[in-house]
Amino acid sequence: MQEIGFENPIFVTYAVASALTVLKVMGQGWMTVYRMLRSNSGLASPEDLRAGPINKNPGPLSA
């Protein structure tokens, strides 16, 4: 049985796939915020309806 280490090509493939998955999960929240602000939707709480530096033109929930 082979050791777990970077000389094992199967482990290297697993490590790369795991790293990409972690990066995707970490970036998904920021991508969601970016898309919601860009489309001017997703304002779910009263705080979201106040004008601010990013949300200059707030409005009610839109479809």
N, C-alpha and C. Protein backbone atom coordinates (compact mmCIF):
# COMPACT_ATOMS: atom_id res chain seq x y z
N MET A 1 0.84 -1.18 0.00
CA MET A 1 0.00 0.00 0.00
C MET A 1 0.89 1.25 0.00
N GLN A 2 0.54 2.22 -0.82
CA GLN A 2 1.35 3.43 -0.92
C GLN A 2 1.04 4.39 0.22
N GLU A 3 2.04 5.17 0.55
CA GLU A 3 1.86 6.18 1.58
C GLU A 3 1.07 7.36 1.04
N ILE A 4 0.47 8.09 1.97
CA ILE A 4 -0.21 9.32 1.60
C ILE A 4 0.83 10.42 1.59
N GLY A 5 1.06 11.00 0.42
CA GLY A 5 2.03 12.07 0.28
C GLY A 5 1.98 12.62 -1.13
N PHE A 6 2.72 13.66 -1.37
CA PHE A 6 2.66 14.32 -2.67
C PHE A 6 3.43 13.57 -3.75
N GLU A 7 4.07 12.48 -3.42
CA GLU A 7 4.67 11.65 -4.46
C GLU A 7 3.65 10.67 -5.04
N ASN A 8 2.50 10.55 -4.40
CA ASN A 8 1.42 9.70 -4.88
C ASN A 8 0.51 10.52 -5.80
N PRO A 9 0.40 10.16 -7.10
CA PRO A 9 -0.40 10.98 -8.03
C PRO A 9 -1.89 11.01 -7.68
N ILE A 10 -2.40 9.98 -7.07
CA ILE A 10 -3.82 9.98 -6.69
C ILE A 10 -4.04 10.99 -5.56
N PHE A 11 -3.13 11.05 -4.61
CA PHE A 11 -3.25 12.02 -3.52
C PHE A 11 -3.11 13.44 -4.04
N VAL A 12 -2.23 13.66 -5.00
CA VAL A 12 -2.06 14.99 -5.58
C VAL A 12 -3.36 15.43 -6.25
N THR A 13 -3.99 14.52 -6.99
CA THR A 13 -5.27 14.83 -7.64
C THR A 13 -6.33 15.17 -6.59
N TYR A 14 -6.38 14.40 -5.52
CA TYR A 14 -7.33 14.66 -4.44
C TYR A 14 -7.06 16.02 -3.78
N ALA A 15 -5.80 16.33 -3.53
CA ALA A 15 -5.45 17.59 -2.89
C ALA A 15 -5.83 18.79 -3.77
N VAL A 16 -5.59 18.68 -5.07
CA VAL A 16 -5.96 19.76 -5.99
C VAL A 16 -7.47 19.93 -6.04
N ALA A 17 -8.20 18.82 -6.14
CA ALA A 17 -9.67 18.90 -6.18
C ALA A 17 -10.22 19.48 -4.88
N SER A 18 -9.65 19.09 -3.75
CA SER A 18 -10.09 19.62 -2.46
C SER A 18 -9.83 21.12 -2.35
N ALA A 19 -8.66 21.55 -2.80
CA ALA A 19 -8.32 22.98 -2.75
C ALA A 19 -9.26 23.79 -3.63
N LEU A 20 -9.56 23.29 -4.82
CA LEU A 20 -10.49 24.00 -5.70
C LEU A 20 -11.89 24.06 -5.11
N THR A 21 -12.32 23.00 -4.45
CA THR A 21 -13.63 22.98 -3.82
C THR A 21 -13.70 23.99 -2.68
N VAL A 22 -12.66 24.07 -1.87
CA VAL A 22 -12.64 25.04 -0.78
C VAL A 22 -12.67 26.46 -1.32
N LEU A 23 -11.90 26.73 -2.37
CA LEU A 23 -11.91 28.07 -2.96
C LEU A 23 -13.28 28.42 -3.52
N LYS A 24 -13.94 27.46 -4.14
CA LYS A 24 -15.27 27.70 -4.70
C LYS A 24 -16.27 28.01 -3.59
N VAL A 25 -16.22 27.23 -2.51
CA VAL A 25 -17.14 27.45 -1.39
C VAL A 25 -16.90 28.81 -0.75
N MET A 26 -15.64 29.18 -0.58
CA MET A 26 -15.32 30.47 0.03
C MET A 26 -15.75 31.64 -0.85
N GLY A 27 -15.69 31.49 -2.15
CA GLY A 27 -16.05 32.56 -3.06
C GLY A 27 -17.52 32.64 -3.39
N GLN A 28 -18.28 31.60 -3.11
CA GLN A 28 -19.69 31.56 -3.50
C GLN A 28 -20.51 32.65 -2.81
N GLY A 29 -20.26 32.89 -1.55
CA GLY A 29 -21.01 33.94 -0.84
C GLY A 29 -20.76 35.31 -1.42
N TRP A 30 -19.49 35.61 -1.72
CA TRP A 30 -19.17 36.92 -2.31
C TRP A 30 -19.76 37.05 -3.70
N MET A 31 -19.79 35.96 -4.47
CA MET A 31 -20.39 36.01 -5.81
C MET A 31 -21.90 36.27 -5.70
N THR A 32 -22.53 35.67 -4.71
CA THR A 32 -23.97 35.89 -4.51
C THR A 32 -24.24 37.36 -4.18
N VAL A 33 -23.46 37.92 -3.28
CA VAL A 33 -23.64 39.34 -2.92
C VAL A 33 -23.42 40.23 -4.14
N TYR A 34 -22.37 39.97 -4.89
CA TYR A 34 -22.08 40.77 -6.09
C TYR A 34 -23.24 40.71 -7.08
N ARG A 35 -23.75 39.53 -7.34
CA ARG A 35 -24.85 39.41 -8.31
C ARG A 35 -26.14 40.04 -7.81
N MET A 36 -26.41 39.93 -6.50
CA MET A 36 -27.62 40.55 -5.96
C MET A 36 -27.54 42.07 -6.03
N LEU A 37 -26.37 42.63 -5.75
CA LEU A 37 -26.22 44.09 -5.83
C LEU A 37 -26.26 44.56 -7.27
N ARG A 38 -25.69 43.78 -8.16
CA ARG A 38 -25.67 44.16 -9.58
C ARG A 38 -27.07 44.16 -10.20
N SER A 39 -27.91 43.21 -9.77
CA SER A 39 -29.26 43.12 -10.34
C SER A 39 -30.28 43.91 -9.52
N ASN A 40 -29.82 44.56 -8.42
CA ASN A 40 -30.69 45.35 -7.56
C ASN A 40 -31.85 44.51 -7.02
N SER A 41 -31.51 43.33 -6.54
CA SER A 41 -32.53 42.45 -5.96
C SER A 41 -31.99 41.83 -4.69
N GLY A 42 -32.82 41.10 -4.02
CA GLY A 42 -32.40 40.41 -2.83
C GLY A 42 -32.37 41.26 -1.59
N LEU A 43 -33.13 42.35 -1.57
CA LEU A 43 -33.18 43.20 -0.39
C LEU A 43 -34.22 42.61 0.56
N ALA A 44 -33.76 41.81 1.53
CA ALA A 44 -34.67 41.04 2.35
C ALA A 44 -34.96 41.67 3.71
N SER A 45 -34.12 42.54 4.20
CA SER A 45 -34.34 43.11 5.53
C SER A 45 -34.48 44.63 5.45
N PRO A 46 -35.05 45.26 6.47
CA PRO A 46 -35.24 46.71 6.45
C PRO A 46 -33.92 47.47 6.30
N GLU A 47 -32.83 46.91 6.82
CA GLU A 47 -31.54 47.59 6.70
C GLU A 47 -31.10 47.70 5.25
N ASP A 48 -31.55 46.76 4.41
CA ASP A 48 -31.16 46.78 3.00
C ASP A 48 -31.85 47.90 2.23
N LEU A 49 -32.90 48.47 2.79
CA LEU A 49 -33.64 49.51 2.09
C LEU A 49 -33.08 50.91 2.33
N ARG A 50 -32.05 51.02 3.17
CA ARG A 50 -31.41 52.32 3.41
C ARG A 50 -30.31 52.56 2.38
N ALA A 51 -30.20 53.79 1.93
CA ALA A 51 -29.15 54.12 0.97
C ALA A 51 -27.79 54.03 1.64
N GLY A 52 -26.81 53.57 0.88
CA GLY A 52 -25.45 53.45 1.40
C GLY A 52 -24.46 53.61 0.27
N PRO A 53 -23.17 53.43 0.55
CA PRO A 53 -22.17 53.63 -0.49
C PRO A 53 -22.27 52.63 -1.64
N ILE A 54 -22.73 51.42 -1.36
CA ILE A 54 -22.86 50.42 -2.42
C ILE A 54 -24.27 50.42 -3.00
N ASN A 55 -25.27 50.54 -2.13
CA ASN A 55 -26.67 50.50 -2.55
C ASN A 55 -27.19 51.94 -2.60
N LYS A 56 -26.85 52.65 -3.65
CA LYS A 56 -27.19 54.07 -3.76
C LYS A 56 -28.67 54.33 -4.05
N ASN A 57 -29.34 53.36 -4.70
CA ASN A 57 -30.73 53.53 -5.08
C ASN A 57 -31.54 52.34 -4.56
N PRO A 58 -31.79 52.27 -3.25
CA PRO A 58 -32.51 51.11 -2.71
C PRO A 58 -33.97 51.12 -3.11
N GLY A 59 -34.53 49.97 -3.17
CA GLY A 59 -35.95 49.85 -3.48
C GLY A 59 -36.48 48.58 -2.84
N PRO A 60 -37.79 48.37 -2.93
CA PRO A 60 -38.37 47.16 -2.34
C PRO A 60 -37.93 45.92 -3.13
N LEU A 61 -38.30 44.79 -2.61
CA LEU A 61 -37.96 43.53 -3.30
C LEU A 61 -38.45 43.57 -4.74
N SER A 62 -37.60 43.17 -5.63
CA SER A 62 -37.98 43.14 -7.04
C SER A 62 -37.90 41.72 -7.54
N ALA A 63 -38.64 41.43 -8.57
CA ALA A 63 -38.68 40.07 -9.13
C ALA A 63 -37.50 39.79 -10.00
